[in-house]
Amino acid sequence: MSLDLLGSAADGMAAQRSALDVYARNVAAAQAAGPRGRYARSVPIFALVRDRNGVRRLRFLGARSDPKRGVNMVAEMVAVLDASRAYAADAALFSIGKHAIERTIAVEQP
């Protein structure tokens, strides 16, 4: 096991947190626009980029506006639930990886 597991889980948590921010902004803007108002939905953009060591990492690049689609509150809430579940899964993976590393270190100690 290497620290790549922890890095991947941390990247996933950061990506899901960024997506949650975008979805929360969509919901807030749609609420502020009111029932007759229309707000163009923002969509998070992610990319795999290489860091200084050549390792591919997931990065949040921002959000783009989708003027063709307004905010659908049910769809946004489903997206929020999906992102929060993915965040929880990444956090659990990080915790498992951390525990495995701690146990490996403990085995090496006299």
PDB file of N, CA and C in Angstrom:
ATOM      1  N   MET A   1       0.844  -1.170   0.000  1.00  0.00           N
ATOM      2  CA  MET A   1       0.000   0.000   0.000  1.00  0.00           C
ATOM      3  C   MET A   1       0.891   1.235   0.000  1.00  0.00           C
ATOM      4  N   SER A   2       0.482   2.223  -0.724  1.00  0.00           N
ATOM      5  CA  SER A   2       1.238   3.460  -0.756  1.00  0.00           C
ATOM      6  C   SER A   2       0.330   4.616  -0.368  1.00  0.00           C
ATOM      7  N   LEU A   3       0.906   5.778  -0.358  1.00  0.00           N
ATOM      8  CA  LEU A   3       0.124   6.957  -0.016  1.00  0.00           C
ATOM      9  C   LEU A   3      -0.754   7.410  -1.177  1.00  0.00           C
ATOM     10  N   ASP A   4      -0.659   6.737  -2.332  1.00  0.00           N
ATOM     11  CA  ASP A   4      -1.533   7.069  -3.458  1.00  0.00           C
ATOM     12  C   ASP A   4      -3.001   6.901  -3.079  1.00  0.00           C
ATOM     13  N   LEU A   5      -3.282   5.906  -2.260  1.00  0.00           N
ATOM     14  CA  LEU A   5      -4.659   5.673  -1.815  1.00  0.00           C
ATOM     15  C   LEU A   5      -5.182   6.891  -1.051  1.00  0.00           C
ATOM     16  N   LEU A   6      -4.363   7.412  -0.156  1.00  0.00           N
ATOM     17  CA  LEU A   6      -4.782   8.578   0.621  1.00  0.00           C
ATOM     18  C   LEU A   6      -4.945   9.798  -0.280  1.00  0.00           C
ATOM     19  N   GLY A   7      -4.034   9.958  -1.228  1.00  0.00           N
ATOM     20  CA  GLY A   7      -4.127  11.088  -2.159  1.00  0.00           C
ATOM     21  C   GLY A   7      -5.356  11.011  -3.036  1.00  0.00           C
ATOM     22  N   SER A   8      -5.667   9.814  -3.517  1.00  0.00           N
ATOM     23  CA  SER A   8      -6.862   9.638  -4.353  1.00  0.00           C
ATOM     24  C   SER A   8      -8.130   9.917  -3.559  1.00  0.00           C
ATOM     25  N   ALA A   9      -8.185   9.417  -2.337  1.00  0.00           N
ATOM     26  CA  ALA A   9      -9.359   9.652  -1.500  1.00  0.00           C
ATOM     27  C   ALA A   9      -9.496  11.143  -1.171  1.00  0.00           C
ATOM     28  N   ALA A  10      -8.389  11.800  -0.895  1.00  0.00           N
ATOM     29  CA  ALA A  10      -8.431  13.236  -0.601  1.00  0.00           C
ATOM     30  C   ALA A  10      -8.867  14.035  -1.827  1.00  0.00           C
ATOM     31  N   ASP A  11      -8.374  13.655  -3.010  1.00  0.00           N
ATOM     32  CA  ASP A  11      -8.804  14.321  -4.236  1.00  0.00           C
ATOM     33  C   ASP A  11     -10.308  14.155  -4.445  1.00  0.00           C
ATOM     34  N   GLY A  12     -10.800  12.946  -4.197  1.00  0.00           N
ATOM     35  CA  GLY A  12     -12.232  12.691  -4.340  1.00  0.00           C
ATOM     36  C   GLY A  12     -13.060  13.521  -3.377  1.00  0.00           C
ATOM     37  N   MET A  13     -12.592  13.629  -2.129  1.00  0.00           N
ATOM     38  CA  MET A  13     -13.322  14.439  -1.143  1.00  0.00           C
ATOM     39  C   MET A  13     -13.336  15.906  -1.564  1.00  0.00           C
ATOM     40  N   ALA A  14     -12.199  16.414  -2.036  1.00  0.00           N
ATOM     41  CA  ALA A  14     -12.140  17.810  -2.475  1.00  0.00           C
ATOM     42  C   ALA A  14     -13.060  18.049  -3.673  1.00  0.00           C
ATOM     43  N   ALA A  15     -13.090  17.098  -4.603  1.00  0.00           N
ATOM     44  CA  ALA A  15     -13.944  17.231  -5.780  1.00  0.00           C
ATOM     45  C   ALA A  15     -15.420  17.241  -5.376  1.00  0.00           C
ATOM     46  N   GLN A  16     -15.809  16.351  -4.495  1.00  0.00           N
ATOM     47  CA  GLN A  16     -17.207  16.291  -4.074  1.00  0.00           C
ATOM     48  C   GLN A  16     -17.598  17.530  -3.268  1.00  0.00           C
ATOM     49  N   ARG A  17     -16.683  18.040  -2.465  1.00  0.00           N
ATOM     50  CA  ARG A  17     -16.971  19.266  -1.716  1.00  0.00           C
ATOM     51  C   ARG A  17     -17.196  20.430  -2.682  1.00  0.00           C
ATOM     52  N   SER A  18     -16.378  20.513  -3.725  1.00  0.00           N
ATOM     53  CA  SER A  18     -16.539  21.569  -4.730  1.00  0.00           C
ATOM     54  C   SER A  18     -17.864  21.414  -5.476  1.00  0.00           C
ATOM     55  N   ALA A  19     -18.215  20.182  -5.820  1.00  0.00           N
ATOM     56  CA  ALA A  19     -19.491  19.938  -6.497  1.00  0.00           C
ATOM     57  C   ALA A  19     -20.660  20.331  -5.591  1.00  0.00           C
ATOM     58  N   LEU A  20     -20.558  20.001  -4.308  1.00  0.00           N
ATOM     59  CA  LEU A  20     -21.617  20.389  -3.369  1.00  0.00           C
ATOM     60  C   LEU A  20     -21.783  21.901  -3.309  1.00  0.00           C
ATOM     61  N   ASP A  21     -20.674  22.633  -3.351  1.00  0.00           N
ATOM     62  CA  ASP A  21     -20.735  24.102  -3.359  1.00  0.00           C
ATOM     63  C   ASP A  21     -21.497  24.609  -4.581  1.00  0.00           C
ATOM     64  N   VAL A  22     -21.210  24.031  -5.743  1.00  0.00           N
ATOM     65  CA  VAL A  22     -21.885  24.443  -6.978  1.00  0.00           C
ATOM     66  C   VAL A  22     -23.379  24.146  -6.886  1.00  0.00           C
ATOM     67  N   TYR A  23     -23.729  22.944  -6.426  1.00  0.00           N
ATOM     68  CA  TYR A  23     -25.142  22.578  -6.320  1.00  0.00           C
ATOM     69  C   TYR A  23     -25.868  23.462  -5.305  1.00  0.00           C
ATOM     70  N   ALA A  24     -25.208  23.794  -4.209  1.00  0.00           N
ATOM     71  CA  ALA A  24     -25.821  24.672  -3.207  1.00  0.00           C
ATOM     72  C   ALA A  24     -26.068  26.062  -3.786  1.00  0.00           C
ATOM     73  N   ARG A  25     -25.119  26.557  -4.596  1.00  0.00           N
ATOM     74  CA  ARG A  25     -25.318  27.856  -5.250  1.00  0.00           C
ATOM     75  C   ARG A  25     -26.500  27.802  -6.218  1.00  0.00           C
ATOM     76  N   ASN A  26     -26.639  26.685  -6.931  1.00  0.00           N
ATOM     77  CA  ASN A  26     -27.774  26.534  -7.844  1.00  0.00           C
ATOM     78  C   ASN A  26     -29.092  26.618  -7.089  1.00  0.00           C
ATOM     79  N   VAL A  27     -29.184  25.899  -5.991  1.00  0.00           N
ATOM     80  CA  VAL A  27     -30.414  25.885  -5.201  1.00  0.00           C
ATOM     81  C   VAL A  27     -30.703  27.283  -4.643  1.00  0.00           C
ATOM     82  N   ALA A  28     -29.684  27.930  -4.101  1.00  0.00           N
ATOM     83  CA  ALA A  28     -29.876  29.266  -3.527  1.00  0.00           C
ATOM     84  C   ALA A  28     -30.296  30.275  -4.595  1.00  0.00           C
ATOM     85  N   ALA A  29     -29.677  30.230  -5.761  1.00  0.00           N
ATOM     86  CA  ALA A  29     -30.019  31.173  -6.827  1.00  0.00           C
ATOM     87  C   ALA A  29     -31.424  30.918  -7.359  1.00  0.00           C
ATOM     88  N   ALA A  30     -31.793  29.656  -7.479  1.00  0.00           N
ATOM     89  CA  ALA A  30     -33.141  29.335  -7.945  1.00  0.00           C
ATOM     90  C   ALA A  30     -34.183  29.811  -6.937  1.00  0.00           C
ATOM     91  N   GLN A  31     -33.899  29.670  -5.664  1.00  0.00           N
ATOM     92  CA  GLN A  31     -34.817  30.146  -4.628  1.00  0.00           C
ATOM     93  C   GLN A  31     -34.921  31.666  -4.673  1.00  0.00           C
ATOM     94  N   ALA A  32     -33.800  32.343  -4.887  1.00  0.00           N
ATOM     95  CA  ALA A  32     -33.807  33.813  -4.938  1.00  0.00           C
ATOM     96  C   ALA A  32     -34.541  34.315  -6.177  1.00  0.00           C
ATOM     97  N   ALA A  33     -34.474  33.575  -7.279  1.00  0.00           N
ATOM     98  CA  ALA A  33     -35.154  33.986  -8.507  1.00  0.00           C
ATOM     99  C   ALA A  33     -36.663  33.869  -8.381  1.00  0.00           C
ATOM    100  N   GLY A  34     -37.121  33.016  -7.496  1.00  0.00           N
ATOM    101  CA  GLY A  34     -38.560  32.859  -7.292  1.00  0.00           C
ATOM    102  C   GLY A  34     -39.174  31.869  -8.264  1.00  0.00           C
ATOM    103  N   PRO A  35     -40.465  31.614  -8.095  1.00  0.00           N
ATOM    104  CA  PRO A  35     -41.109  30.577  -8.913  1.00  0.00           C
ATOM    105  C   PRO A  35     -41.184  30.926 -10.398  1.00  0.00           C
ATOM    106  N   ARG A  36     -41.237  32.215 -10.741  1.00  0.00           N
ATOM    107  CA  ARG A  36     -41.327  32.602 -12.152  1.00  0.00           C
ATOM    108  C   ARG A  36     -39.977  32.970 -12.744  1.00  0.00           C
ATOM    109  N   GLY A  37     -38.991  33.108 -11.903  1.00  0.00           N
ATOM    110  CA  GLY A  37     -37.656  33.442 -12.385  1.00  0.00           C
ATOM    111  C   GLY A  37     -36.962  32.225 -12.971  1.00  0.00           C
ATOM    112  N   ARG A  38     -35.947  32.478 -13.748  1.00  0.00           N
ATOM    113  CA  ARG A  38     -35.189  31.377 -14.347  1.00  0.00           C
ATOM    114  C   ARG A  38     -33.721  31.646 -14.087  1.00  0.00           C
ATOM    115  N   TYR A  39     -33.041  30.630 -13.626  1.00  0.00           N
ATOM    116  CA  TYR A  39     -31.613  30.726 -13.327  1.00  0.00           C
ATOM    117  C   TYR A  39     -30.898  29.629 -14.110  1.00  0.00           C
ATOM    118  N   ALA A  40     -29.887  30.009 -14.871  1.00  0.00           N
ATOM    119  CA  ALA A  40     -29.116  29.032 -15.637  1.00  0.00           C
ATOM    120  C   ALA A  40     -28.320  28.164 -14.669  1.00  0.00           C
ATOM    121  N   ARG A  41     -28.442  26.890 -14.837  1.00  0.00           N
ATOM    122  CA  ARG A  41     -27.781  25.927 -13.954  1.00  0.00           C
ATOM    123  C   ARG A  41     -26.268  25.967 -14.150  1.00  0.00           C
ATOM    124  N   SER A  42     -25.532  25.962 -13.050  1.00  0.00           N
ATOM    125  CA  SER A  42     -24.069  25.851 -13.090  1.00  0.00           C
ATOM    126  C   SER A  42     -23.692  24.383 -12.971  1.00  0.00           C
ATOM    127  N   VAL A  43     -22.692  23.980 -13.735  1.00  0.00           N
ATOM    128  CA  VAL A  43     -22.248  22.590 -13.758  1.00  0.00           C
ATOM    129  C   VAL A  43     -20.767  22.555 -13.386  1.00  0.00           C
ATOM    130  N   PRO A  44     -20.379  21.733 -12.393  1.00  0.00           N
ATOM    131  CA  PRO A  44     -18.960  21.666 -12.020  1.00  0.00           C
ATOM    132  C   PRO A  44     -18.133  21.017 -13.128  1.00  0.00           C
ATOM    133  N   ILE A  45     -16.897  21.492 -13.272  1.00  0.00           N
ATOM    134  CA  ILE A  45     -15.974  20.955 -14.278  1.00  0.00           C
ATOM    135  C   ILE A  45     -14.762  20.386 -13.552  1.00  0.00           C
ATOM    136  N   PHE A  46     -14.423  19.147 -13.892  1.00  0.00           N
ATOM    137  CA  PHE A  46     -13.285  18.458 -13.296  1.00  0.00           C
ATOM    138  C   PHE A  46     -12.356  17.982 -14.402  1.00  0.00           C
ATOM    139  N   ALA A  47     -11.103  17.795 -14.059  1.00  0.00           N
ATOM    140  CA  ALA A  47     -10.144  17.255 -15.027  1.00  0.00           C
ATOM    141  C   ALA A  47      -9.069  16.480 -14.282  1.00  0.00           C
ATOM    142  N   LEU A  48      -8.511  15.508 -14.968  1.00  0.00           N
ATOM    143  CA  LEU A  48      -7.340  14.808 -14.453  1.00  0.00           C
ATOM    144  C   LEU A  48      -6.110  15.548 -14.948  1.00  0.00           C
ATOM    145  N   VAL A  49      -5.297  16.013 -14.019  1.00  0.00           N
ATOM    146  CA  VAL A  49      -4.069  16.735 -14.375  1.00  0.00           C
ATOM    147  C   VAL A  49      -2.882  16.042 -13.717  1.00  0.00           C
ATOM    148  N   ARG A  50      -1.737  16.236 -14.274  1.00  0.00           N
ATOM    149  CA  ARG A  50      -0.522  15.645 -13.703  1.00  0.00           C
ATOM    150  C   ARG A  50       0.142  16.652 -12.771  1.00  0.00           C
ATOM    151  N   ASP A  51       0.537  16.170 -11.584  1.00  0.00           N
ATOM    152  CA  ASP A  51       1.240  17.045 -10.652  1.00  0.00           C
ATOM    153  C   ASP A  51       2.732  17.063 -10.990  1.00  0.00           C
ATOM    154  N   ARG A  52       3.541  17.675 -10.146  1.00  0.00           N
ATOM    155  CA  ARG A  52       4.987  17.795 -10.396  1.00  0.00           C
ATOM    156  C   ARG A  52       5.685  16.451 -10.514  1.00  0.00           C
ATOM    157  N   ASN A  53       5.133  15.447  -9.846  1.00  0.00           N
ATOM    158  CA  ASN A  53       5.743  14.118  -9.873  1.00  0.00           C
ATOM    159  C   ASN A  53       5.194  13.239 -10.999  1.00  0.00           C
ATOM    160  N   GLY A  54       4.319  13.777 -11.811  1.00  0.00           N
ATOM    161  CA  GLY A  54       3.741  13.019 -12.912  1.00  0.00           C
ATOM    162  C   GLY A  54       2.545  12.172 -12.525  1.00  0.00           C
ATOM    163  N   VAL A  55       2.073  12.316 -11.292  1.00  0.00           N
ATOM    164  CA  VAL A  55       0.916  11.551 -10.822  1.00  0.00           C
ATOM    165  C   VAL A  55      -0.353  12.264 -11.278  1.00  0.00           C
ATOM    166  N   ARG A  56      -1.285  11.503 -11.826  1.00  0.00           N
ATOM    167  CA  ARG A  56      -2.553  12.096 -12.257  1.00  0.00           C
ATOM    168  C   ARG A  56      -3.435  12.358 -11.047  1.00  0.00           C
ATOM    169  N   ARG A  57      -3.944  13.590 -10.971  1.00  0.00           N
ATOM    170  CA  ARG A  57      -4.780  14.015  -9.847  1.00  0.00           C
ATOM    171  C   ARG A  57      -6.068  14.624 -10.380  1.00  0.00           C
ATOM    172  N   LEU A  58      -7.145  14.446  -9.636  1.00  0.00           N
ATOM    173  CA  LEU A  58      -8.423  15.032  -9.991  1.00  0.00           C
ATOM    174  C   LEU A  58      -8.477  16.453  -9.448  1.00  0.00           C
ATOM    175  N   ARG A  59      -8.807  17.405 -10.316  1.00  0.00           N
ATOM    176  CA  ARG A  59      -8.870  18.806  -9.908  1.00  0.00           C
ATOM    177  C   ARG A  59     -10.185  19.439 -10.350  1.00  0.00           C
ATOM    178  N   PHE A  60     -10.703  20.306  -9.500  1.00  0.00           N
ATOM    179  CA  PHE A  60     -11.889  21.092  -9.795  1.00  0.00           C
ATOM    180  C   PHE A  60     -11.427  22.332 -10.546  1.00  0.00           C
ATOM    181  N   LEU A  61     -11.962  22.544 -11.755  1.00  0.00           N
ATOM    182  CA  LEU A  61     -11.535  23.671 -12.580  1.00  0.00           C
ATOM    183  C   LEU A  61     -12.488  24.858 -12.499  1.00  0.00           C
ATOM    184  N   GLY A  62     -13.602  24.669 -11.858  1.00  0.00           N
ATOM    185  CA  GLY A  62     -14.593  25.742 -11.763  1.00  0.00           C
ATOM    186  C   GLY A  62     -15.946  25.230 -12.203  1.00  0.00           C
ATOM    187  N   ALA A  63     -16.818  26.149 -12.522  1.00  0.00           N
ATOM    188  CA  ALA A  63     -18.158  25.778 -12.965  1.00  0.00           C
ATOM    189  C   ALA A  63     -18.481  26.557 -14.227  1.00  0.00           C
ATOM    190  N   ARG A  64     -19.216  25.921 -15.107  1.00  0.00           N
ATOM    191  CA  ARG A  64     -19.682  26.604 -16.315  1.00  0.00           C
ATOM    192  C   ARG A  64     -21.195  26.734 -16.230  1.00  0.00           C
ATOM    193  N   SER A  65     -21.695  27.771 -16.837  1.00  0.00           N
ATOM    194  CA  SER A  65     -23.126  28.007 -16.845  1.00  0.00           C
ATOM    195  C   SER A  65     -23.743  27.252 -18.018  1.00  0.00           C
ATOM    196  N   ASP A  66     -24.873  26.632 -17.780  1.00  0.00           N
ATOM    197  CA  ASP A  66     -25.609  25.927 -18.818  1.00  0.00           C
ATOM    198  C   ASP A  66     -26.917  26.685 -19.045  1.00  0.00           C
ATOM    199  N   PRO A  67     -26.913  27.679 -19.951  1.00  0.00           N
ATOM    200  CA  PRO A  67     -28.091  28.533 -20.121  1.00  0.00           C
ATOM    201  C   PRO A  67     -29.302  27.799 -20.697  1.00  0.00           C
ATOM    202  N   LYS A  68     -29.082  26.636 -21.293  1.00  0.00           N
ATOM    203  CA  LYS A  68     -30.197  25.885 -21.878  1.00  0.00           C
ATOM    204  C   LYS A  68     -31.033  25.193 -20.812  1.00  0.00           C
ATOM    205  N   ARG A  69     -30.449  24.981 -19.651  1.00  0.00           N
ATOM    206  CA  ARG A  69     -31.155  24.251 -18.590  1.00  0.00           C
ATOM    207  C   ARG A  69     -31.295  25.136 -17.365  1.00  0.00           C
ATOM    208  N   GLY A  70     -32.503  25.254 -16.900  1.00  0.00           N
ATOM    209  CA  GLY A  70     -32.740  25.941 -15.639  1.00  0.00           C
ATOM    210  C   GLY A  70     -32.503  24.970 -14.496  1.00  0.00           C
ATOM    211  N   VAL A  71     -32.571  25.487 -13.300  1.00  0.00           N
ATOM    212  CA  VAL A  71     -32.363  24.651 -12.121  1.00  0.00           C
ATOM    213  C   VAL A  71     -33.640  23.894 -11.804  1.00  0.00           C
ATOM    214  N   ASN A  72     -33.523  22.595 -11.732  1.00  0.00           N
ATOM    215  CA  ASN A  72     -34.623  21.726 -11.306  1.00  0.00           C
ATOM    216  C   ASN A  72     -34.301  21.328  -9.868  1.00  0.00           C
ATOM    217  N   MET A  73     -35.140  21.740  -8.945  1.00  0.00           N
ATOM    218  CA  MET A  73     -34.833  21.527  -7.528  1.00  0.00           C
ATOM    219  C   MET A  73     -34.695  20.053  -7.173  1.00  0.00           C
ATOM    220  N   VAL A  74     -35.520  19.196  -7.751  1.00  0.00           N
ATOM    221  CA  VAL A  74     -35.431  17.768  -7.457  1.00  0.00           C
ATOM    222  C   VAL A  74     -34.098  17.214  -7.979  1.00  0.00           C
ATOM    223  N   ALA A  75     -33.738  17.598  -9.199  1.00  0.00           N
ATOM    224  CA  ALA A  75     -32.468  17.129  -9.769  1.00  0.00           C
ATOM    225  C   ALA A  75     -31.281  17.631  -8.949  1.00  0.00           C
ATOM    226  N   GLU A  76     -31.353  18.867  -8.476  1.00  0.00           N
ATOM    227  CA  GLU A  76     -30.260  19.408  -7.664  1.00  0.00           C
ATOM    228  C   GLU A  76     -30.145  18.672  -6.335  1.00  0.00           C
ATOM    229  N   MET A  77     -31.276  18.361  -5.733  1.00  0.00           N
ATOM    230  CA  MET A  77     -31.227  17.644  -4.457  1.00  0.00           C
ATOM    231  C   MET A  77     -30.689  16.228  -4.643  1.00  0.00           C
ATOM    232  N   VAL A  78     -31.018  15.591  -5.759  1.00  0.00           N
ATOM    233  CA  VAL A  78     -30.451  14.271  -6.056  1.00  0.00           C
ATOM    234  C   VAL A  78     -28.946  14.392  -6.256  1.00  0.00           C
ATOM    235  N   ALA A  79     -28.515  15.444  -6.950  1.00  0.00           N
ATOM    236  CA  ALA A  79     -27.076  15.667  -7.152  1.00  0.00           C
ATOM    237  C   ALA A  79     -26.374  15.904  -5.816  1.00  0.00           C
ATOM    238  N   VAL A  80     -27.023  16.646  -4.922  1.00  0.00           N
ATOM    239  CA  VAL A  80     -26.452  16.879  -3.587  1.00  0.00           C
ATOM    240  C   VAL A  80     -26.319  15.563  -2.829  1.00  0.00           C
ATOM    241  N   LEU A  81     -27.348  14.728  -2.885  1.00  0.00           N
ATOM    242  CA  LEU A  81     -27.286  13.431  -2.201  1.00  0.00           C
ATOM    243  C   LEU A  81     -26.182  12.554  -2.790  1.00  0.00           C
ATOM    244  N   ASP A  82     -26.073  12.534  -4.110  1.00  0.00           N
ATOM    245  CA  ASP A  82     -25.014  11.741  -4.746  1.00  0.00           C
ATOM    246  C   ASP A  82     -23.632  12.227  -4.332  1.00  0.00           C
ATOM    247  N   ALA A  83     -23.434  13.540  -4.357  1.00  0.00           N
ATOM    248  CA  ALA A  83     -22.128  14.095  -3.996  1.00  0.00           C
ATOM    249  C   ALA A  83     -21.812  13.849  -2.526  1.00  0.00           C
ATOM    250  N   SER A  84     -22.812  13.965  -1.652  1.00  0.00           N
ATOM    251  CA  SER A  84     -22.542  13.743  -0.226  1.00  0.00           C
ATOM    252  C   SER A  84     -22.245  12.274   0.052  1.00  0.00           C
ATOM    253  N   ARG A  85     -22.901  11.373  -0.658  1.00  0.00           N
ATOM    254  CA  ARG A  85     -22.601   9.941  -0.490  1.00  0.00           C
ATOM    255  C   ARG A  85     -21.212   9.608  -1.029  1.00  0.00           C
ATOM    256  N   ALA A  86     -20.859  10.201  -2.149  1.00  0.00           N
ATOM    257  CA  ALA A  86     -19.520   9.969  -2.697  1.00  0.00           C
ATOM    258  C   ALA A  86     -18.459  10.529  -1.758  1.00  0.00           C
ATOM    259  N   TYR A  87     -18.738  11.686  -1.156  1.00  0.00           N
ATOM    260  CA  TYR A  87     -17.806  12.262  -0.191  1.00  0.00           C
ATOM    261  C   TYR A  87     -17.638  11.309   0.998  1.00  0.00           C
ATOM    262  N   ALA A  88     -18.740  10.778   1.496  1.00  0.00           N
ATOM    263  CA  ALA A  88     -18.676   9.849   2.634  1.00  0.00           C
ATOM    264  C   ALA A  88     -17.898   8.586   2.270  1.00  0.00           C
ATOM    265  N   ALA A  89     -18.075   8.097   1.051  1.00  0.00           N
ATOM    266  CA  ALA A  89     -17.328   6.911   0.608  1.00  0.00           C
ATOM    267  C   ALA A  89     -15.832   7.217   0.527  1.00  0.00           C
ATOM    268  N   ASP A  90     -15.480   8.387   0.001  1.00  0.00           N
ATOM    269  CA  ASP A  90     -14.070   8.780  -0.065  1.00  0.00           C
ATOM    270  C   ASP A  90     -13.481   8.958   1.334  1.00  0.00           C
ATOM    271  N   ALA A  91     -14.264   9.522   2.247  1.00  0.00           N
ATOM    272  CA  ALA A  91     -13.792   9.697   3.622  1.00  0.00           C
ATOM    273  C   ALA A  91     -13.566   8.343   4.292  1.00  0.00           C
ATOM    274  N   ALA A  92     -14.457   7.387   4.033  1.00  0.00           N
ATOM    275  CA  ALA A  92     -14.282   6.044   4.592  1.00  0.00           C
ATOM    276  C   ALA A  92     -13.045   5.377   4.015  1.00  0.00           C
ATOM    277  N   LEU A  93     -12.823   5.539   2.718  1.00  0.00           N
ATOM    278  CA  LEU A  93     -11.627   4.983   2.084  1.00  0.00           C
ATOM    279  C   LEU A  93     -10.364   5.599   2.674  1.00  0.00           C
ATOM    280  N   PHE A  94     -10.380   6.905   2.890  1.00  0.00           N
ATOM    281  CA  PHE A  94      -9.246   7.584   3.495  1.00  0.00           C
ATOM    282  C   PHE A  94      -8.982   7.039   4.895  1.00  0.00           C
ATOM    283  N   SER A  95     -10.040   6.857   5.665  1.00  0.00           N
ATOM    284  CA  SER A  95      -9.910   6.341   7.025  1.00  0.00           C
ATOM    285  C   SER A  95      -9.336   4.922   7.033  1.00  0.00           C
ATOM    286  N   ILE A  96      -9.813   4.088   6.118  1.00  0.00           N
ATOM    287  CA  ILE A  96      -9.293   2.720   6.028  1.00  0.00           C
ATOM    288  C   ILE A  96      -7.820   2.725   5.651  1.00  0.00           C
ATOM    289  N   GLY A  97      -7.465   3.549   4.669  1.00  0.00           N
ATOM    290  CA  GLY A  97      -6.057   3.645   4.264  1.00  0.00           C
ATOM    291  C   GLY A  97      -5.173   4.144   5.390  1.00  0.00           C
ATOM    292  N   LYS A  98      -5.648   5.142   6.110  1.00  0.00           N
ATOM    293  CA  LYS A  98      -4.891   5.679   7.245  1.00  0.00           C
ATOM    294  C   LYS A  98      -4.702   4.611   8.322  1.00  0.00           C
ATOM    295  N   HIS A  99      -5.765   3.877   8.606  1.00  0.00           N
ATOM    296  CA  HIS A  99      -5.692   2.823   9.616  1.00  0.00           C
ATOM    297  C   HIS A  99      -4.707   1.726   9.183  1.00  0.00           C
ATOM    298  N   ALA A 100      -4.743   1.354   7.915  1.00  0.00           N
ATOM    299  CA  ALA A 100      -3.826   0.324   7.419  1.00  0.00           C
ATOM    300  C   ALA A 100      -2.372   0.780   7.528  1.00  0.00           C
ATOM    301  N   ILE A 101      -2.112   2.018   7.220  1.00  0.00           N
ATOM    302  CA  ILE A 101      -0.753   2.545   7.335  1.00  0.00           C
ATOM    303  C   ILE A 101      -0.318   2.578   8.794  1.00  0.00           C
ATOM    304  N   GLU A 102      -1.209   3.015   9.677  1.00  0.00           N
ATOM    305  CA  GLU A 102      -0.885   3.034  11.111  1.00  0.00           C
ATOM    306  C   GLU A 102      -0.583   1.635  11.626  1.00  0.00           C
ATOM    307  N   ARG A 103      -1.364   0.641  11.190  1.00  0.00           N
ATOM    308  CA  ARG A 103      -1.128  -0.748  11.618  1.00  0.00           C
ATOM    309  C   ARG A 103       0.198  -1.276  11.073  1.00  0.00           C
ATOM    310  N   THR A 104       0.529  -0.898   9.843  1.00  0.00           N
ATOM    311  CA  THR A 104       1.801  -1.328   9.248  1.00  0.00           C
ATOM    312  C   THR A 104       2.960  -0.745  10.027  1.00  0.00           C
ATOM    313  N   ILE A 105       2.865   0.503  10.408  1.00  0.00           N
ATOM    314  CA  ILE A 105       3.919   1.145  11.196  1.00  0.00           C
ATOM    315  C   ILE A 105       4.025   0.464  12.564  1.00  0.00           C
ATOM    316  N   ALA A 106       2.891   0.129  13.169  1.00  0.00           N
ATOM    317  CA  ALA A 106       2.887  -0.502  14.483  1.00  0.00           C
ATOM    318  C   ALA A 106       3.534  -1.884  14.446  1.00  0.00           C
ATOM    319  N   VAL A 107       3.359  -2.610  13.351  1.00  0.00           N
ATOM    320  CA  VAL A 107       3.964  -3.946  13.228  1.00  0.00           C
ATOM    321  C   VAL A 107       5.483  -3.840  13.192  1.00  0.00           C
ATOM    322  N   GLU A 108       5.992  -2.791  12.591  1.00  0.00           N
ATOM    323  CA  GLU A 108       7.444  -2.599  12.460  1.00  0.00           C
ATOM    324  C   GLU A 108       8.100  -2.198  13.788  1.00  0.00           C
ATOM    325  N   GLN A 109       7.320  -1.689  14.721  1.00  0.00           N
ATOM    326  CA  GLN A 109       7.900  -1.254  15.998  1.00  0.00           C
ATOM    327  C   GLN A 109       8.044  -2.441  16.931  1.00  0.00           C
ATOM    328  N   PRO A 110       9.135  -2.430  17.739  1.00  0.00           N
ATOM    329  CA  PRO A 110       9.360  -3.559  18.657  1.00  0.00           C
ATOM    330  C   PRO A 110       8.375  -3.601  19.800  1.00  0.00           C
TER     331      PRO A 110
END
